[in-house]
């Protein structure tokens, strides 16, 4: 199963995902997001818009590579992949 890591801010917003090693059975990034949605309702809409596209302030990396398909999230995920989901924070 893929190991998923979240930026600390996402764990604050979705505490049910904090404090545990997150592993998701998935073959695509979309399935990773869906798996996290099942554990923390609202997560998918926070990182994706109403069409399922990755929001502009969110980046997902599989290993060291940023996902290239931000519309359908079809980038492949292997069982030993490390998936990092992070949100850009801005403001002053």
N, C-alpha and C. Protein backbone atom coordinates (compact mmCIF):
# COMPACT_ATOMS: atom_id res chain seq x y z
N UNK A 1 0.84 -1.18 0.00
CA UNK A 1 0.00 0.00 0.00
C UNK A 1 0.88 1.25 0.00
N UNK A 2 0.42 2.26 -0.69
CA UNK A 2 1.16 3.51 -0.77
C UNK A 2 1.14 4.22 0.58
N UNK A 3 2.27 4.81 0.93
CA UNK A 3 2.37 5.58 2.16
C UNK A 3 2.07 7.03 1.81
N UNK A 4 1.16 7.65 2.56
CA UNK A 4 0.74 9.02 2.29
C UNK A 4 1.20 9.91 3.43
N UNK A 5 1.78 11.04 3.05
CA UNK A 5 2.18 12.05 4.03
C UNK A 5 1.46 13.34 3.69
N UNK A 6 1.00 14.03 4.72
CA UNK A 6 0.28 15.28 4.54
C UNK A 6 1.05 16.42 5.18
N UNK A 7 0.96 17.59 4.58
CA UNK A 7 1.49 18.78 5.22
C UNK A 7 0.76 18.98 6.53
N UNK A 8 1.46 19.52 7.50
CA UNK A 8 0.91 19.67 8.86
C UNK A 8 -0.43 20.41 8.87
N UNK A 9 -0.57 21.42 8.03
CA UNK A 9 -1.82 22.19 7.99
C UNK A 9 -3.02 21.31 7.63
N UNK A 10 -2.83 20.38 6.73
CA UNK A 10 -3.93 19.48 6.36
C UNK A 10 -4.33 18.60 7.55
N UNK A 11 -3.36 18.23 8.37
CA UNK A 11 -3.67 17.42 9.56
C UNK A 11 -4.44 18.23 10.59
N UNK A 12 -4.20 19.54 10.62
CA UNK A 12 -4.96 20.40 11.52
C UNK A 12 -6.42 20.46 11.07
N UNK A 13 -6.62 20.59 9.76
CA UNK A 13 -7.98 20.66 9.22
C UNK A 13 -8.71 19.33 9.27
N UNK A 14 -7.95 18.25 9.16
CA UNK A 14 -8.54 16.89 9.15
C UNK A 14 -7.83 16.06 10.22
N UNK A 15 -8.15 16.30 11.49
CA UNK A 15 -7.43 15.63 12.59
C UNK A 15 -7.56 14.11 12.58
N UNK A 16 -8.59 13.59 11.92
CA UNK A 16 -8.73 12.14 11.86
C UNK A 16 -7.62 11.50 11.01
N UNK A 17 -6.87 12.32 10.25
CA UNK A 17 -5.75 11.82 9.46
C UNK A 17 -4.41 12.06 10.15
N UNK A 18 -4.42 12.72 11.29
CA UNK A 18 -3.19 13.06 12.00
C UNK A 18 -2.79 11.95 12.96
N UNK A 19 -1.51 11.87 13.21
CA UNK A 19 -1.01 10.98 14.25
C UNK A 19 -0.98 9.50 13.92
N UNK A 20 -1.19 9.16 12.69
CA UNK A 20 -1.12 7.76 12.30
C UNK A 20 -0.39 7.65 10.96
N UNK A 21 0.19 6.51 10.72
CA UNK A 21 0.81 6.29 9.42
C UNK A 21 -0.30 6.01 8.42
N UNK A 22 -0.39 6.86 7.42
CA UNK A 22 -1.45 6.72 6.44
C UNK A 22 -0.99 5.82 5.30
N UNK A 23 -1.72 4.76 5.08
CA UNK A 23 -1.46 3.88 3.95
C UNK A 23 -2.77 3.69 3.21
N UNK A 24 -2.68 3.75 1.88
CA UNK A 24 -3.86 3.66 1.05
C UNK A 24 -3.60 2.67 -0.08
N UNK A 25 -4.55 1.81 -0.31
CA UNK A 25 -4.49 0.90 -1.46
C UNK A 25 -4.95 1.69 -2.67
N UNK A 26 -4.02 1.97 -3.59
CA UNK A 26 -4.37 2.82 -4.73
C UNK A 26 -3.42 2.56 -5.89
N UNK A 27 -3.94 2.73 -7.10
CA UNK A 27 -3.08 2.62 -8.29
C UNK A 27 -2.95 3.95 -9.01
N UNK A 28 -3.74 4.96 -8.59
CA UNK A 28 -3.66 6.31 -9.16
C UNK A 28 -3.76 7.33 -8.02
N UNK A 29 -3.38 8.55 -8.33
CA UNK A 29 -3.51 9.62 -7.35
C UNK A 29 -4.98 9.84 -7.01
N UNK A 30 -5.87 9.72 -7.97
CA UNK A 30 -7.30 9.87 -7.70
C UNK A 30 -7.77 8.87 -6.65
N UNK A 31 -7.26 7.66 -6.70
CA UNK A 31 -7.64 6.65 -5.71
C UNK A 31 -7.06 6.96 -4.34
N UNK A 32 -5.90 7.60 -4.30
CA UNK A 32 -5.33 8.04 -3.01
C UNK A 32 -6.27 9.08 -2.39
N UNK A 33 -6.67 10.07 -3.16
CA UNK A 33 -7.57 11.11 -2.66
C UNK A 33 -8.89 10.49 -2.21
N UNK A 34 -9.41 9.56 -2.98
CA UNK A 34 -10.65 8.89 -2.62
C UNK A 34 -10.50 8.10 -1.31
N UNK A 35 -9.38 7.44 -1.15
CA UNK A 35 -9.13 6.69 0.08
C UNK A 35 -9.07 7.60 1.30
N UNK A 36 -8.47 8.78 1.14
CA UNK A 36 -8.41 9.72 2.25
C UNK A 36 -9.78 10.33 2.52
N UNK A 37 -10.56 10.54 1.47
CA UNK A 37 -11.93 11.04 1.62
C UNK A 37 -12.77 10.07 2.46
N UNK A 38 -12.56 8.78 2.26
CA UNK A 38 -13.32 7.79 3.03
C UNK A 38 -13.00 7.88 4.52
N UNK A 39 -11.79 8.27 4.85
CA UNK A 39 -11.38 8.39 6.26
C UNK A 39 -11.73 9.75 6.85
N UNK A 40 -11.71 10.77 5.98
CA UNK A 40 -11.94 12.14 6.45
C UNK A 40 -12.85 12.85 5.46
N UNK A 41 -14.16 12.72 5.62
CA UNK A 41 -15.08 13.36 4.70
C UNK A 41 -14.81 14.85 4.56
N UNK A 42 -14.81 15.32 3.32
CA UNK A 42 -14.51 16.71 3.02
C UNK A 42 -13.10 16.91 2.50
N UNK A 43 -12.24 15.92 2.70
CA UNK A 43 -10.85 16.04 2.27
C UNK A 43 -10.76 16.21 0.75
N UNK A 44 -11.47 15.40 0.01
CA UNK A 44 -11.39 15.45 -1.45
C UNK A 44 -11.82 16.81 -1.98
N UNK A 45 -12.88 17.38 -1.44
CA UNK A 45 -13.32 18.69 -1.91
C UNK A 45 -12.36 19.79 -1.48
N UNK A 46 -11.63 19.59 -0.41
CA UNK A 46 -10.65 20.58 0.01
C UNK A 46 -9.47 20.62 -0.95
N UNK A 47 -9.04 19.48 -1.45
CA UNK A 47 -7.88 19.46 -2.35
C UNK A 47 -8.27 19.50 -3.82
N UNK A 48 -9.52 19.17 -4.15
CA UNK A 48 -9.99 19.17 -5.53
C UNK A 48 -11.24 20.03 -5.65
N UNK A 49 -11.45 20.58 -6.84
CA UNK A 49 -12.64 21.40 -7.06
C UNK A 49 -13.85 20.51 -7.38
N UNK A 50 -14.96 21.14 -7.70
CA UNK A 50 -16.20 20.39 -7.95
C UNK A 50 -16.12 19.49 -9.18
N UNK A 51 -15.14 19.69 -10.04
CA UNK A 51 -14.94 18.83 -11.21
C UNK A 51 -13.90 17.74 -10.96
N UNK A 52 -13.35 17.71 -9.76
CA UNK A 52 -12.36 16.71 -9.43
C UNK A 52 -10.94 17.10 -9.80
N UNK A 53 -10.75 18.33 -10.21
CA UNK A 53 -9.41 18.82 -10.58
C UNK A 53 -8.68 19.30 -9.33
N UNK A 54 -7.40 19.06 -9.32
CA UNK A 54 -6.58 19.50 -8.20
C UNK A 54 -6.62 21.02 -8.12
N UNK A 55 -6.89 21.54 -6.93
CA UNK A 55 -6.94 22.99 -6.75
C UNK A 55 -5.55 23.59 -6.96
N UNK A 56 -5.52 24.85 -7.38
CA UNK A 56 -4.25 25.49 -7.72
C UNK A 56 -3.31 25.61 -6.53
N UNK A 57 -3.82 25.68 -5.32
CA UNK A 57 -2.96 25.85 -4.14
C UNK A 57 -2.50 24.51 -3.55
N UNK A 58 -2.80 23.42 -4.21
CA UNK A 58 -2.45 22.09 -3.71
C UNK A 58 -1.46 21.43 -4.68
N UNK A 59 -0.44 20.81 -4.12
CA UNK A 59 0.49 20.02 -4.93
C UNK A 59 0.56 18.62 -4.36
N UNK A 60 0.66 17.66 -5.24
CA UNK A 60 0.82 16.26 -4.84
C UNK A 60 2.06 15.73 -5.55
N UNK A 61 2.89 15.04 -4.78
CA UNK A 61 4.08 14.42 -5.31
C UNK A 61 3.99 12.92 -5.11
N UNK A 62 4.37 12.17 -6.12
CA UNK A 62 4.53 10.72 -6.00
C UNK A 62 6.02 10.50 -6.07
N UNK A 63 6.59 10.10 -4.95
CA UNK A 63 8.05 10.08 -4.86
C UNK A 63 8.54 11.51 -4.93
N UNK A 64 9.47 11.77 -5.82
CA UNK A 64 10.03 13.12 -5.99
C UNK A 64 9.38 13.88 -7.14
N UNK A 65 8.38 13.29 -7.78
CA UNK A 65 7.80 13.86 -9.00
C UNK A 65 6.42 14.45 -8.71
N UNK A 66 6.25 15.72 -9.09
CA UNK A 66 4.95 16.36 -8.93
C UNK A 66 3.98 15.79 -9.96
N UNK A 67 2.74 15.56 -9.56
CA UNK A 67 1.77 14.98 -10.49
C UNK A 67 1.61 15.87 -11.72
N UNK A 68 1.47 15.25 -12.86
CA UNK A 68 1.33 16.00 -14.11
C UNK A 68 -0.13 16.13 -14.54
N UNK A 69 -0.96 15.19 -14.15
CA UNK A 69 -2.38 15.24 -14.53
C UNK A 69 -3.18 15.85 -13.39
N UNK A 70 -3.29 17.16 -13.40
CA UNK A 70 -4.01 17.87 -12.35
C UNK A 70 -5.52 17.86 -12.58
N UNK A 71 -5.95 17.40 -13.75
CA UNK A 71 -7.39 17.38 -14.07
C UNK A 71 -8.07 16.09 -13.64
N UNK A 72 -7.45 14.95 -13.94
CA UNK A 72 -8.10 13.67 -13.64
C UNK A 72 -7.34 12.85 -12.61
N UNK A 73 -6.14 13.30 -12.23
CA UNK A 73 -5.31 12.65 -11.21
C UNK A 73 -5.01 11.19 -11.57
N UNK A 74 -4.64 10.97 -12.84
CA UNK A 74 -4.38 9.61 -13.30
C UNK A 74 -2.93 9.17 -13.13
N UNK A 75 -2.09 10.02 -12.55
CA UNK A 75 -0.69 9.63 -12.34
C UNK A 75 -0.65 8.32 -11.56
N UNK A 76 0.22 7.39 -11.98
CA UNK A 76 0.25 6.09 -11.31
C UNK A 76 0.88 6.13 -9.92
N UNK A 77 0.37 5.26 -9.08
CA UNK A 77 0.89 5.08 -7.73
C UNK A 77 1.18 3.59 -7.57
N UNK A 78 2.38 3.28 -7.16
CA UNK A 78 2.78 1.89 -6.92
C UNK A 78 2.55 1.54 -5.44
N UNK A 79 2.56 0.27 -5.15
CA UNK A 79 2.30 -0.16 -3.78
C UNK A 79 3.37 0.34 -2.80
N UNK A 80 4.56 0.63 -3.30
CA UNK A 80 5.63 1.12 -2.42
C UNK A 80 5.87 2.62 -2.58
N UNK A 81 4.94 3.33 -3.21
CA UNK A 81 5.10 4.77 -3.44
C UNK A 81 4.93 5.57 -2.16
N UNK A 82 5.61 6.69 -2.12
CA UNK A 82 5.40 7.70 -1.08
C UNK A 82 4.67 8.85 -1.76
N UNK A 83 3.50 9.19 -1.24
CA UNK A 83 2.68 10.26 -1.81
C UNK A 83 2.63 11.40 -0.79
N UNK A 84 3.05 12.57 -1.22
CA UNK A 84 3.05 13.75 -0.37
C UNK A 84 2.01 14.73 -0.89
N UNK A 85 1.10 15.15 -0.01
CA UNK A 85 0.08 16.13 -0.36
C UNK A 85 0.32 17.37 0.47
N UNK A 86 0.52 18.49 -0.24
CA UNK A 86 0.80 19.72 0.46
C UNK A 86 -0.02 20.88 -0.11
N UNK A 87 -0.27 21.82 0.75
CA UNK A 87 -1.06 22.99 0.39
C UNK A 87 -0.18 24.21 0.57
N UNK A 88 -0.19 25.09 -0.43
CA UNK A 88 0.54 26.34 -0.31
C UNK A 88 -0.25 27.28 0.59
N UNK A 89 0.43 27.88 1.53
CA UNK A 89 -0.19 28.85 2.41
C UNK A 89 0.30 30.23 2.02
N UNK A 90 -0.59 31.19 2.06
CA UNK A 90 -0.21 32.56 1.71
C UNK A 90 -0.95 33.52 2.62
N UNK A 91 -0.59 34.72 2.52
CA UNK A 91 -1.24 35.73 3.33
C UNK A 91 -0.21 36.53 4.10
N UNK A 92 -0.66 37.42 4.91
CA UNK A 92 0.31 38.25 5.61
C UNK A 92 -0.16 38.69 6.95
